């Protein structure tokens, strides 16, 4: 199974006179990536749609008008056939960290996912608004869906994080029939569930909890920090989550600092899982200081090389 890449998008600027993404990558070039790497046999690229300019906040709910504008251009593109159209995952997140210090890394616990009732109502309304766009633009059959996650903090001396069952089920129910995916709100839950002596929760049980909340997959770095710091935990999570039967389908989407310089190492470290039907890599590869088009294509080229090498994995890790 080919290695697959999910790319977050933080712009909707698709005007004909300046088709730019992140002020560098043209919208048409993004379409060419989809044309070259998506097919009826396998869609290797999909997109996560976020609010314009929300990269620094870790991604926020896009404006409905911006989303319609972007998706209308995408779905009406003459460059892509229906089989080459990427699935779209829409971020549902009303705000970033409460901390006003933007120098704090979004990978740390300060990036909370604990919401008020008013914020939860806003999240539900956003989902309802996006669902009105129509199946020609947003289709569950294509794999289009929503990305979100709500935490709660347990009472007690350790203040562990856990998934909020009532809030998550409320949101996944609102989104039906569109599939929903837990985003990196899971990182803190996973980290605190594994790191405190006497309170460790089996990862398989966490997977069942996610499924019970209505999620069809999870985007995670495997805990605090980047994916490369948590490869052992990600491997354990993958073995618990990735199943062969279609009725057990659950995606593992590995993100957090995934770039062209480490994508080979990640694939090699997770070689027993990386070619599974439901394994994805997630990379903000359209934000590079050089050419983001080059970085996105370089990642895909390295995934091609890793896919070829995965047949025997005799090359030394890091050779590409």
C-alpha atoms as a PDB file:
ATOM      1  CA  UNK A   1       0.000   0.000   0.000  1.00  0.00           C
ATOM      2  CA  UNK A   2       1.509   3.404  -0.988  1.00  0.00           C
ATOM      3  CA  UNK A   3       2.522   5.772   1.784  1.00  0.00           C
ATOM      4  CA  UNK A   4       0.050   8.649   2.137  1.00  0.00           C
ATOM      5  CA  UNK A   5       0.306  12.315   3.107  1.00  0.00           C
ATOM      6  CA  UNK A   6      -2.171  14.719   4.714  1.00  0.00           C
ATOM      7  CA  UNK A   7      -1.350  18.404   4.171  1.00  0.00           C
ATOM      8  CA  UNK A   8      -2.891  21.178   6.287  1.00  0.00           C
ATOM      9  CA  UNK A   9      -3.937  24.317   4.401  1.00  0.00           C
ATOM     10  CA  UNK A  10      -4.047  27.741   6.062  1.00  0.00           C
ATOM     11  CA  UNK A  11      -5.098  29.905   3.147  1.00  0.00           C
ATOM     12  CA  UNK A  12      -7.983  30.251   0.713  1.00  0.00           C
ATOM     13  CA  UNK A  13      -6.324  32.712  -1.664  1.00  0.00           C
ATOM     14  CA  UNK A  14      -7.152  31.235  -5.050  1.00  0.00           C
ATOM     15  CA  UNK A  15      -7.769  34.341  -7.148  1.00  0.00           C
ATOM     16  CA  UNK A  16      -6.738  33.905 -10.756  1.00  0.00           C
ATOM     17  CA  UNK A  17      -4.365  36.885 -10.673  1.00  0.00           C
ATOM     18  CA  UNK A  18      -2.457  35.612  -7.620  1.00  0.00           C
ATOM     19  CA  UNK A  19      -3.015  31.920  -6.979  1.00  0.00           C
ATOM     20  CA  UNK A  20      -0.752  31.768  -3.963  1.00  0.00           C
ATOM     21  CA  UNK A  21      -0.687  29.600  -0.865  1.00  0.00           C
ATOM     22  CA  UNK A  22       1.516  30.797   2.000  1.00  0.00           C
ATOM     23  CA  UNK A  23       2.527  33.547  -0.460  1.00  0.00           C
ATOM     24  CA  UNK A  24       4.734  31.027  -2.256  1.00  0.00           C
ATOM     25  CA  UNK A  25       2.962  27.915  -3.495  1.00  0.00           C
ATOM     26  CA  UNK A  26       0.455  28.400  -6.283  1.00  0.00           C
ATOM     27  CA  UNK A  27      -2.959  26.829  -6.053  1.00  0.00           C
ATOM     28  CA  UNK A  28      -2.407  25.277  -9.464  1.00  0.00           C
ATOM     29  CA  UNK A  29       0.780  23.627  -8.230  1.00  0.00           C
ATOM     30  CA  UNK A  30      -1.185  22.121  -5.344  1.00  0.00           C
ATOM     31  CA  UNK A  31      -3.649  20.738  -7.883  1.00  0.00           C
ATOM     32  CA  UNK A  32      -0.766  19.247  -9.852  1.00  0.00           C
ATOM     33  CA  UNK A  33       0.420  17.395  -6.750  1.00  0.00           C
ATOM     34  CA  UNK A  34      -3.047  15.906  -6.375  1.00  0.00           C
ATOM     35  CA  UNK A  35      -3.137  15.041 -10.065  1.00  0.00           C
ATOM     36  CA  UNK A  36       0.224  13.283  -9.907  1.00  0.00           C
ATOM     37  CA  UNK A  37      -0.316  11.380  -6.670  1.00  0.00           C
ATOM     38  CA  UNK A  38      -4.057  10.634  -6.497  1.00  0.00           C
ATOM     39  CA  UNK A  39      -5.818   7.988  -8.560  1.00  0.00           C
ATOM     40  CA  UNK A  40      -8.745   5.600  -8.527  1.00  0.00           C
ATOM     41  CA  UNK A  41      -6.457   2.975  -6.987  1.00  0.00           C
ATOM     42  CA  UNK A  42      -5.266   5.168  -4.127  1.00  0.00           C
ATOM     43  CA  UNK A  43      -5.618   8.776  -3.046  1.00  0.00           C
ATOM     44  CA  UNK A  44      -2.180   9.521  -1.581  1.00  0.00           C
ATOM     45  CA  UNK A  45      -2.828  13.191  -0.781  1.00  0.00           C
ATOM     46  CA  UNK A  46      -5.606  14.781   1.216  1.00  0.00           C
ATOM     47  CA  UNK A  47      -5.986  18.261   2.716  1.00  0.00           C
ATOM     48  CA  UNK A  48      -6.885  19.616   6.136  1.00  0.00           C
ATOM     49  CA  UNK A  49      -8.614  22.990   5.878  1.00  0.00           C
ATOM     50  CA  UNK A  50      -7.913  25.561   8.602  1.00  0.00           C
ATOM     51  CA  UNK A  51      -8.650  29.227   9.201  1.00  0.00           C
ATOM     52  CA  UNK A  52      -6.565  31.639   7.156  1.00  0.00           C
ATOM     53  CA  UNK A  53      -3.358  32.496   9.008  1.00  0.00           C
ATOM     54  CA  UNK A  54      -4.005  30.130  11.946  1.00  0.00           C
ATOM     55  CA  UNK A  55      -0.820  28.078  11.561  1.00  0.00           C
ATOM     56  CA  UNK A  56       0.700  29.706  14.646  1.00  0.00           C
ATOM     57  CA  UNK A  57      -2.328  28.671  16.696  1.00  0.00           C
ATOM     58  CA  UNK A  58      -2.129  25.068  15.526  1.00  0.00           C
ATOM     59  CA  UNK A  59      -5.141  25.422  13.209  1.00  0.00           C
ATOM     60  CA  UNK A  60      -8.589  26.923  13.849  1.00  0.00           C
ATOM     61  CA  UNK A  61     -12.077  26.641  12.348  1.00  0.00           C
ATOM     62  CA  UNK A  62     -12.079  28.251   8.891  1.00  0.00           C
ATOM     63  CA  UNK A  63     -14.556  30.958   7.990  1.00  0.00           C
ATOM     64  CA  UNK A  64     -17.489  29.385   6.120  1.00  0.00           C
ATOM     65  CA  UNK A  65     -17.237  31.863   3.220  1.00  0.00           C
ATOM     66  CA  UNK A  66     -13.506  31.240   2.870  1.00  0.00           C
ATOM     67  CA  UNK A  67     -14.086  27.484   2.933  1.00  0.00           C
ATOM     68  CA  UNK A  68     -16.782  27.655   0.272  1.00  0.00           C
ATOM     69  CA  UNK A  69     -14.534  29.785  -1.921  1.00  0.00           C
ATOM     70  CA  UNK A  70     -11.576  27.445  -1.625  1.00  0.00           C
ATOM     71  CA  UNK A  71     -13.565  24.226  -2.017  1.00  0.00           C
ATOM     72  CA  UNK A  72     -15.601  25.527  -4.945  1.00  0.00           C
ATOM     73  CA  UNK A  73     -12.387  26.271  -6.857  1.00  0.00           C
ATOM     74  CA  UNK A  74     -11.003  22.881  -5.878  1.00  0.00           C
ATOM     75  CA  UNK A  75     -14.039  20.814  -6.817  1.00  0.00           C
ATOM     76  CA  UNK A  76     -14.611  22.656 -10.094  1.00  0.00           C
ATOM     77  CA  UNK A  77     -10.996  22.359 -11.184  1.00  0.00           C
ATOM     78  CA  UNK A  78     -10.574  21.096 -14.733  1.00  0.00           C
ATOM     79  CA  UNK A  79      -7.114  19.818 -13.815  1.00  0.00           C
ATOM     80  CA  UNK A  80      -8.424  17.034 -11.576  1.00  0.00           C
ATOM     81  CA  UNK A  81     -10.686  14.105 -12.299  1.00  0.00           C
ATOM     82  CA  UNK A  82     -13.025  12.951  -9.543  1.00  0.00           C
ATOM     83  CA  UNK A  83     -10.586  10.168  -8.664  1.00  0.00           C
ATOM     84  CA  UNK A  84      -7.814  12.737  -8.246  1.00  0.00           C
ATOM     85  CA  UNK A  85      -9.838  15.035  -5.996  1.00  0.00           C
ATOM     86  CA  UNK A  86      -8.374  15.045  -2.475  1.00  0.00           C
ATOM     87  CA  UNK A  87     -10.492  14.281   0.565  1.00  0.00           C
ATOM     88  CA  UNK A  88     -10.939  17.333   2.801  1.00  0.00           C
ATOM     89  CA  UNK A  89     -10.828  17.348   6.583  1.00  0.00           C
ATOM     90  CA  UNK A  90     -12.164  20.588   8.124  1.00  0.00           C
ATOM     91  CA  UNK A  91     -10.736  21.737  11.448  1.00  0.00           C
ATOM     92  CA  UNK A  92     -13.329  22.527  14.120  1.00  0.00           C
ATOM     93  CA  UNK A  93     -11.530  24.478  16.831  1.00  0.00           C
ATOM     94  CA  UNK A  94     -12.868  27.831  18.089  1.00  0.00           C
ATOM     95  CA  UNK A  95      -9.650  29.194  19.589  1.00  0.00           C
ATOM     96  CA  UNK A  96      -5.996  28.496  20.199  1.00  0.00           C
ATOM     97  CA  UNK A  97      -4.153  28.555  23.495  1.00  0.00           C
ATOM     98  CA  UNK A  98      -5.511  30.863  26.180  1.00  0.00           C
ATOM     99  CA  UNK A  99      -1.947  31.870  26.973  1.00  0.00           C
ATOM    100  CA  UNK A 100      -1.199  35.175  25.271  1.00  0.00           C
ATOM    101  CA  UNK A 101       2.495  34.386  24.958  1.00  0.00           C
ATOM    102  CA  UNK A 102       2.855  33.322  21.312  1.00  0.00           C
ATOM    103  CA  UNK A 103       6.421  32.220  21.992  1.00  0.00           C
ATOM    104  CA  UNK A 104       5.064  29.199  23.842  1.00  0.00           C
ATOM    105  CA  UNK A 105       5.210  26.153  21.609  1.00  0.00           C
ATOM    106  CA  UNK A 106       1.807  24.750  20.525  1.00  0.00           C
ATOM    107  CA  UNK A 107       3.274  21.319  21.259  1.00  0.00           C
ATOM    108  CA  UNK A 108       3.170  21.948  25.025  1.00  0.00           C
ATOM    109  CA  UNK A 109       0.308  21.427  27.437  1.00  0.00           C
ATOM    110  CA  UNK A 110      -0.610  25.114  27.296  1.00  0.00           C
ATOM    111  CA  UNK A 111      -2.314  24.286  23.980  1.00  0.00           C
ATOM    112  CA  UNK A 112      -5.468  23.253  25.779  1.00  0.00           C
ATOM    113  CA  UNK A 113      -8.570  21.672  24.241  1.00  0.00           C
ATOM    114  CA  UNK A 114     -10.974  22.282  27.130  1.00  0.00           C
ATOM    115  CA  UNK A 115     -13.975  24.302  26.047  1.00  0.00           C
ATOM    116  CA  UNK A 116     -16.857  26.184  27.619  1.00  0.00           C
ATOM    117  CA  UNK A 117     -20.479  25.427  26.794  1.00  0.00           C
ATOM    118  CA  UNK A 118     -20.574  28.506  24.554  1.00  0.00           C
ATOM    119  CA  UNK A 119     -17.518  27.273  22.655  1.00  0.00           C
ATOM    120  CA  UNK A 120     -19.029  23.801  22.236  1.00  0.00           C
ATOM    121  CA  UNK A 121     -22.218  25.366  20.864  1.00  0.00           C
ATOM    122  CA  UNK A 122     -20.099  27.350  18.397  1.00  0.00           C
ATOM    123  CA  UNK A 123     -18.312  24.151  17.316  1.00  0.00           C
ATOM    124  CA  UNK A 124     -21.628  22.380  16.711  1.00  0.00           C
ATOM    125  CA  UNK A 125     -22.922  25.356  14.729  1.00  0.00           C
ATOM    126  CA  UNK A 126     -19.771  25.414  12.587  1.00  0.00           C
ATOM    127  CA  UNK A 127     -20.259  21.744  11.723  1.00  0.00           C
ATOM    128  CA  UNK A 128     -23.899  22.380  10.821  1.00  0.00           C
ATOM    129  CA  UNK A 129     -22.868  25.312   8.611  1.00  0.00           C
ATOM    130  CA  UNK A 130     -20.270  23.272   6.730  1.00  0.00           C
ATOM    131  CA  UNK A 131     -22.748  20.442   6.172  1.00  0.00           C
ATOM    132  CA  UNK A 132     -24.968  22.838   4.202  1.00  0.00           C
ATOM    133  CA  UNK A 133     -22.315  23.222   1.482  1.00  0.00           C
ATOM    134  CA  UNK A 134     -23.681  20.224  -0.402  1.00  0.00           C
ATOM    135  CA  UNK A 135     -22.384  16.765  -1.283  1.00  0.00           C
ATOM    136  CA  UNK A 136     -20.760  17.971  -4.496  1.00  0.00           C
ATOM    137  CA  UNK A 137     -18.370  20.065  -2.355  1.00  0.00           C
ATOM    138  CA  UNK A 138     -18.180  18.046   0.864  1.00  0.00           C
ATOM    139  CA  UNK A 139     -18.895  14.334   0.543  1.00  0.00           C
ATOM    140  CA  UNK A 140     -18.576  11.621   3.209  1.00  0.00           C
ATOM    141  CA  UNK A 141     -18.284   9.074   0.411  1.00  0.00           C
ATOM    142  CA  UNK A 142     -15.087  10.777  -0.767  1.00  0.00           C
ATOM    143  CA  UNK A 143     -13.728  10.728   2.770  1.00  0.00           C
ATOM    144  CA  UNK A 144     -14.436  14.383   3.568  1.00  0.00           C
ATOM    145  CA  UNK A 145     -15.003  14.971   7.260  1.00  0.00           C
ATOM    146  CA  UNK A 146     -14.206  16.949  10.396  1.00  0.00           C
ATOM    147  CA  UNK A 147     -11.267  17.176  12.786  1.00  0.00           C
ATOM    148  CA  UNK A 148     -11.659  18.158  16.449  1.00  0.00           C
ATOM    149  CA  UNK A 149     -11.199  16.974  20.011  1.00  0.00           C
ATOM    150  CA  UNK A 150     -12.290  17.942  23.511  1.00  0.00           C
ATOM    151  CA  UNK A 151     -10.410  17.175  26.717  1.00  0.00           C
ATOM    152  CA  UNK A 152     -11.330  17.354  30.384  1.00  0.00           C
ATOM    153  CA  UNK A 153      -9.056  17.352  33.414  1.00  0.00           C
ATOM    154  CA  UNK A 154      -9.539  14.786  36.124  1.00  0.00           C
ATOM    155  CA  UNK A 155      -9.865  15.849  39.732  1.00  0.00           C
ATOM    156  CA  UNK A 156      -7.056  14.593  41.894  1.00  0.00           C
ATOM    157  CA  UNK A 157      -3.420  15.223  42.721  1.00  0.00           C
ATOM    158  CA  UNK A 158      -2.104  14.353  39.240  1.00  0.00           C
ATOM    159  CA  UNK A 159      -4.649  16.391  37.239  1.00  0.00           C
ATOM    160  CA  UNK A 160      -4.484  13.928  34.346  1.00  0.00           C
ATOM    161  CA  UNK A 161      -6.124  14.741  31.045  1.00  0.00           C
ATOM    162  CA  UNK A 162      -8.819  12.579  29.485  1.00  0.00           C
ATOM    163  CA  UNK A 163     -11.109  12.765  26.500  1.00  0.00           C
ATOM    164  CA  UNK A 164     -14.460  14.393  27.262  1.00  0.00           C
ATOM    165  CA  UNK A 165     -16.959  11.657  26.338  1.00  0.00           C
ATOM    166  CA  UNK A 166     -20.136  13.765  26.406  1.00  0.00           C
ATOM    167  CA  UNK A 167     -18.678  16.670  24.411  1.00  0.00           C
ATOM    168  CA  UNK A 168     -16.975  14.493  21.790  1.00  0.00           C
ATOM    169  CA  UNK A 169     -20.060  12.327  21.274  1.00  0.00           C
ATOM    170  CA  UNK A 170     -22.140  15.478  20.920  1.00  0.00           C
ATOM    171  CA  UNK A 171     -19.879  16.742  18.150  1.00  0.00           C
ATOM    172  CA  UNK A 172     -19.549  13.435  16.291  1.00  0.00           C
ATOM    173  CA  UNK A 173     -23.333  13.049  16.435  1.00  0.00           C
ATOM    174  CA  UNK A 174     -23.767  16.551  14.993  1.00  0.00           C
ATOM    175  CA  UNK A 175     -21.362  15.727  12.175  1.00  0.00           C
ATOM    176  CA  UNK A 176     -23.116  12.496  11.095  1.00  0.00           C
ATOM    177  CA  UNK A 177     -22.908  11.118   8.390  1.00  0.00           C
ATOM    178  CA  UNK A 178     -19.482  12.754   7.959  1.00  0.00           C
ATOM    179  CA  UNK A 179     -16.565  10.896   9.571  1.00  0.00           C
ATOM    180  CA  UNK A 180     -14.784  12.611  12.455  1.00  0.00           C
ATOM    181  CA  UNK A 181     -11.139  12.427  13.470  1.00  0.00           C
ATOM    182  CA  UNK A 182      -9.551  13.241  16.803  1.00  0.00           C
ATOM    183  CA  UNK A 183      -6.744  15.763  16.450  1.00  0.00           C
ATOM    184  CA  UNK A 184      -3.790  16.392  18.713  1.00  0.00           C
ATOM    185  CA  UNK A 185      -5.954  16.922  21.767  1.00  0.00           C
ATOM    186  CA  UNK A 186      -5.111  13.236  22.134  1.00  0.00           C
ATOM    187  CA  UNK A 187      -1.393  13.970  22.675  1.00  0.00           C
ATOM    188  CA  UNK A 188      -1.883  15.248  26.208  1.00  0.00           C
ATOM    189  CA  UNK A 189      -4.302  12.456  27.038  1.00  0.00           C
ATOM    190  CA  UNK A 190      -1.860   9.847  25.798  1.00  0.00           C
ATOM    191  CA  UNK A 191       1.099  11.431  27.594  1.00  0.00           C
ATOM    192  CA  UNK A 192      -0.572  11.749  30.988  1.00  0.00           C
ATOM    193  CA  UNK A 193      -2.131   8.280  30.719  1.00  0.00           C
ATOM    194  CA  UNK A 194       1.288   6.674  30.214  1.00  0.00           C
ATOM    195  CA  UNK A 195       3.667   8.753  32.301  1.00  0.00           C
ATOM    196  CA  UNK A 196       2.281   8.632  35.826  1.00  0.00           C
ATOM    197  CA  UNK A 197       3.158   5.549  37.920  1.00  0.00           C
ATOM    198  CA  UNK A 198       0.132   3.553  38.978  1.00  0.00           C
ATOM    199  CA  UNK A 199      -2.242   5.293  36.559  1.00  0.00           C
ATOM    200  CA  UNK A 200      -1.067   3.916  33.207  1.00  0.00           C
ATOM    201  CA  UNK A 201      -3.965   3.099  30.911  1.00  0.00           C
ATOM    202  CA  UNK A 202      -3.431   0.394  28.247  1.00  0.00           C
ATOM    203  CA  UNK A 203      -3.204   2.025  24.818  1.00  0.00           C
ATOM    204  CA  UNK A 204      -5.695  -0.478  23.430  1.00  0.00           C
ATOM    205  CA  UNK A 205      -8.253   0.825  25.908  1.00  0.00           C
ATOM    206  CA  UNK A 206      -7.610   4.395  24.750  1.00  0.00           C
ATOM    207  CA  UNK A 207      -8.255   3.296  21.161  1.00  0.00           C
ATOM    208  CA  UNK A 208     -11.568   1.766  22.209  1.00  0.00           C
ATOM    209  CA  UNK A 209     -12.486   4.994  24.005  1.00  0.00           C
ATOM    210  CA  UNK A 210     -11.816   7.006  20.845  1.00  0.00           C
ATOM    211  CA  UNK A 211     -13.985   4.644  18.826  1.00  0.00           C
ATOM    212  CA  UNK A 212     -16.675   4.848  21.492  1.00  0.00           C
ATOM    213  CA  UNK A 213     -16.720   8.628  21.135  1.00  0.00           C
ATOM    214  CA  UNK A 214     -17.444   8.221  17.427  1.00  0.00           C
ATOM    215  CA  UNK A 215     -13.994   8.922  15.997  1.00  0.00           C
ATOM    216  CA  UNK A 216     -12.715   7.132  12.892  1.00  0.00           C
ATOM    217  CA  UNK A 217      -9.068   7.961  13.431  1.00  0.00           C
ATOM    218  CA  UNK A 218      -6.579  10.077  15.358  1.00  0.00           C
ATOM    219  CA  UNK A 219      -3.903  12.637  14.446  1.00  0.00           C
ATOM    220  CA  UNK A 220      -1.140  12.430  17.035  1.00  0.00           C
ATOM    221  CA  UNK A 221       2.562  12.815  17.702  1.00  0.00           C
ATOM    222  CA  UNK A 222       2.357  10.032  20.273  1.00  0.00           C
ATOM    223  CA  UNK A 223       2.563  12.354  23.279  1.00  0.00           C
ATOM    224  CA  UNK A 224       4.197  15.679  24.097  1.00  0.00           C
ATOM    225  CA  UNK A 225       6.668  16.943  21.521  1.00  0.00           C
ATOM    226  CA  UNK A 226       7.305  15.785  17.968  1.00  0.00           C
ATOM    227  CA  UNK A 227       6.608  12.398  16.434  1.00  0.00           C
ATOM    228  CA  UNK A 228      10.306  11.536  16.268  1.00  0.00           C
ATOM    229  CA  UNK A 229      10.434  11.726  20.085  1.00  0.00           C
ATOM    230  CA  UNK A 230       7.604   9.218  20.489  1.00  0.00           C
ATOM    231  CA  UNK A 231       8.163   6.515  17.877  1.00  0.00           C
ATOM    232  CA  UNK A 232       7.931   3.644  20.358  1.00  0.00           C
ATOM    233  CA  UNK A 233       4.572   4.871  21.667  1.00  0.00           C
ATOM    234  CA  UNK A 234       3.342   5.490  18.116  1.00  0.00           C
ATOM    235  CA  UNK A 235       4.262   1.936  17.214  1.00  0.00           C
ATOM    236  CA  UNK A 236       2.287   0.598  20.167  1.00  0.00           C
ATOM    237  CA  UNK A 237      -0.643   2.814  19.237  1.00  0.00           C
ATOM    238  CA  UNK A 238      -0.499   1.636  15.626  1.00  0.00           C
ATOM    239  CA  UNK A 239      -0.522  -2.037  16.625  1.00  0.00           C
ATOM    240  CA  UNK A 240      -3.612  -1.400  18.744  1.00  0.00           C
ATOM    241  CA  UNK A 241      -5.454   0.792  16.236  1.00  0.00           C
ATOM    242  CA  UNK A 242      -4.715  -0.503  12.733  1.00  0.00           C
ATOM    243  CA  UNK A 243      -6.852  -3.478  11.782  1.00  0.00           C
ATOM    244  CA  UNK A 244      -7.392  -5.393   8.559  1.00  0.00           C
ATOM    245  CA  UNK A 245     -11.174  -5.776   8.600  1.00  0.00           C
ATOM    246  CA  UNK A 246     -13.080  -2.926   6.979  1.00  0.00           C
ATOM    247  CA  UNK A 247     -15.567  -2.821   9.857  1.00  0.00           C
ATOM    248  CA  UNK A 248     -12.642  -2.179  12.236  1.00  0.00           C
ATOM    249  CA  UNK A 249     -11.228   0.639  10.105  1.00  0.00           C
ATOM    250  CA  UNK A 250      -9.464   3.294  12.219  1.00  0.00           C
ATOM    251  CA  UNK A 251      -6.813   5.679  10.904  1.00  0.00           C
ATOM    252  CA  UNK A 252      -3.494   6.497  12.555  1.00  0.00           C
ATOM    253  CA  UNK A 253      -2.264   9.872  11.303  1.00  0.00           C
ATOM    254  CA  UNK A 254       1.255  10.630  12.491  1.00  0.00           C
ATOM    255  CA  UNK A 255       2.025  14.336  12.771  1.00  0.00           C
ATOM    256  CA  UNK A 256       4.135  16.750  14.752  1.00  0.00           C
ATOM    257  CA  UNK A 257       7.332  17.988  13.142  1.00  0.00           C
ATOM    258  CA  UNK A 258       7.106  15.624  10.168  1.00  0.00           C
ATOM    259  CA  UNK A 259       9.321  17.097   7.430  1.00  0.00           C
ATOM    260  CA  UNK A 260      11.335  15.875   4.448  1.00  0.00           C
ATOM    261  CA  UNK A 261      14.424  15.534   6.626  1.00  0.00           C
ATOM    262  CA  UNK A 262      12.903  12.919   8.951  1.00  0.00           C
ATOM    263  CA  UNK A 263      10.128  11.258   6.975  1.00  0.00           C
ATOM    264  CA  UNK A 264      12.387   8.359   5.963  1.00  0.00           C
ATOM    265  CA  UNK A 265      13.391   7.750   9.587  1.00  0.00           C
ATOM    266  CA  UNK A 266       9.750   7.735  10.694  1.00  0.00           C
ATOM    267  CA  UNK A 267       8.733   5.271   7.982  1.00  0.00           C
ATOM    268  CA  UNK A 268      11.680   3.034   8.765  1.00  0.00           C
ATOM    269  CA  UNK A 269      11.030   3.079  12.512  1.00  0.00           C
ATOM    270  CA  UNK A 270       7.374   2.186  11.865  1.00  0.00           C
ATOM    271  CA  UNK A 271       8.034  -0.166   8.964  1.00  0.00           C
ATOM    272  CA  UNK A 272       5.675  -2.850  10.257  1.00  0.00           C
ATOM    273  CA  UNK A 273       2.776  -0.341  10.132  1.00  0.00           C
ATOM    274  CA  UNK A 274       3.664   2.334   7.572  1.00  0.00           C
ATOM    275  CA  UNK A 275       2.176   0.509   4.586  1.00  0.00           C
ATOM    276  CA  UNK A 276      -1.119  -0.244   6.276  1.00  0.00           C
ATOM    277  CA  UNK A 277      -4.224   0.978   4.456  1.00  0.00           C
ATOM    278  CA  UNK A 278      -5.093   3.356   7.327  1.00  0.00           C
ATOM    279  CA  UNK A 279      -1.641   4.798   8.091  1.00  0.00           C
ATOM    280  CA  UNK A 280      -1.065   8.455   7.136  1.00  0.00           C
ATOM    281  CA  UNK A 281       1.637  11.056   7.678  1.00  0.00           C
ATOM    282  CA  UNK A 282       0.649  14.664   8.393  1.00  0.00           C
ATOM    283  CA  UNK A 283       3.043  17.466   7.471  1.00  0.00           C
ATOM    284  CA  UNK A 284       2.762  21.247   7.298  1.00  0.00           C
ATOM    285  CA  UNK A 285       4.953  21.081   4.231  1.00  0.00           C
ATOM    286  CA  UNK A 286       3.545  24.199   2.593  1.00  0.00           C
ATOM    287  CA  UNK A 287       5.129  26.538   5.141  1.00  0.00           C
ATOM    288  CA  UNK A 288       8.841  26.230   4.401  1.00  0.00           C
ATOM    289  CA  UNK A 289      11.065  29.285   4.238  1.00  0.00           C
ATOM    290  CA  UNK A 290      12.322  28.106   0.878  1.00  0.00           C
ATOM    291  CA  UNK A 291       9.851  26.734  -1.655  1.00  0.00           C
ATOM    292  CA  UNK A 292       7.025  24.886   0.083  1.00  0.00           C
ATOM    293  CA  UNK A 293       6.178  23.262  -3.238  1.00  0.00           C
ATOM    294  CA  UNK A 294       9.654  21.753  -3.212  1.00  0.00           C
ATOM    295  CA  UNK A 295       9.229  20.503   0.367  1.00  0.00           C
ATOM    296  CA  UNK A 296       5.847  18.923  -0.329  1.00  0.00           C
ATOM    297  CA  UNK A 297       7.088  17.223  -3.471  1.00  0.00           C
ATOM    298  CA  UNK A 298      10.325  16.181  -1.743  1.00  0.00           C
ATOM    299  CA  UNK A 299       8.354  14.483   1.025  1.00  0.00           C
ATOM    300  CA  UNK A 300       6.289  12.630  -1.547  1.00  0.00           C
ATOM    301  CA  UNK A 301       9.398  11.596  -3.445  1.00  0.00           C
ATOM    302  CA  UNK A 302      10.966  10.299  -0.249  1.00  0.00           C
ATOM    303  CA  UNK A 303       7.775   8.425   0.539  1.00  0.00           C
ATOM    304  CA  UNK A 304       8.056   6.832  -2.904  1.00  0.00           C
ATOM    305  CA  UNK A 305      11.627   5.810  -2.105  1.00  0.00           C
ATOM    306  CA  UNK A 306      10.631   4.483   1.312  1.00  0.00           C
ATOM    307  CA  UNK A 307       7.767   2.550  -0.252  1.00  0.00           C
ATOM    308  CA  UNK A 308      10.150   0.914  -2.687  1.00  0.00           C
ATOM    309  CA  UNK A 309      12.723   0.169   0.022  1.00  0.00           C
ATOM    310  CA  UNK A 310      10.017  -1.203   2.329  1.00  0.00           C
ATOM    311  CA  UNK A 311       9.957  -4.344   0.233  1.00  0.00           C
ATOM    312  CA  UNK A 312      13.140  -5.426   1.968  1.00  0.00           C
ATOM    313  CA  UNK A 313      14.327  -2.486   4.122  1.00  0.00           C
ATOM    314  CA  UNK A 314      17.960  -3.354   3.511  1.00  0.00           C
ATOM    315  CA  UNK A 315      19.086   0.243   3.088  1.00  0.00           C
ATOM    316  CA  UNK A 316      20.449   1.995   6.119  1.00  0.00           C
ATOM    317  CA  UNK A 317      17.998   4.330   7.833  1.00  0.00           C
ATOM    318  CA  UNK A 318      18.634   7.925   6.783  1.00  0.00           C
ATOM    319  CA  UNK A 319      20.157   7.048   3.421  1.00  0.00           C
ATOM    320  CA  UNK A 320      17.838   9.450   1.624  1.00  0.00           C
END
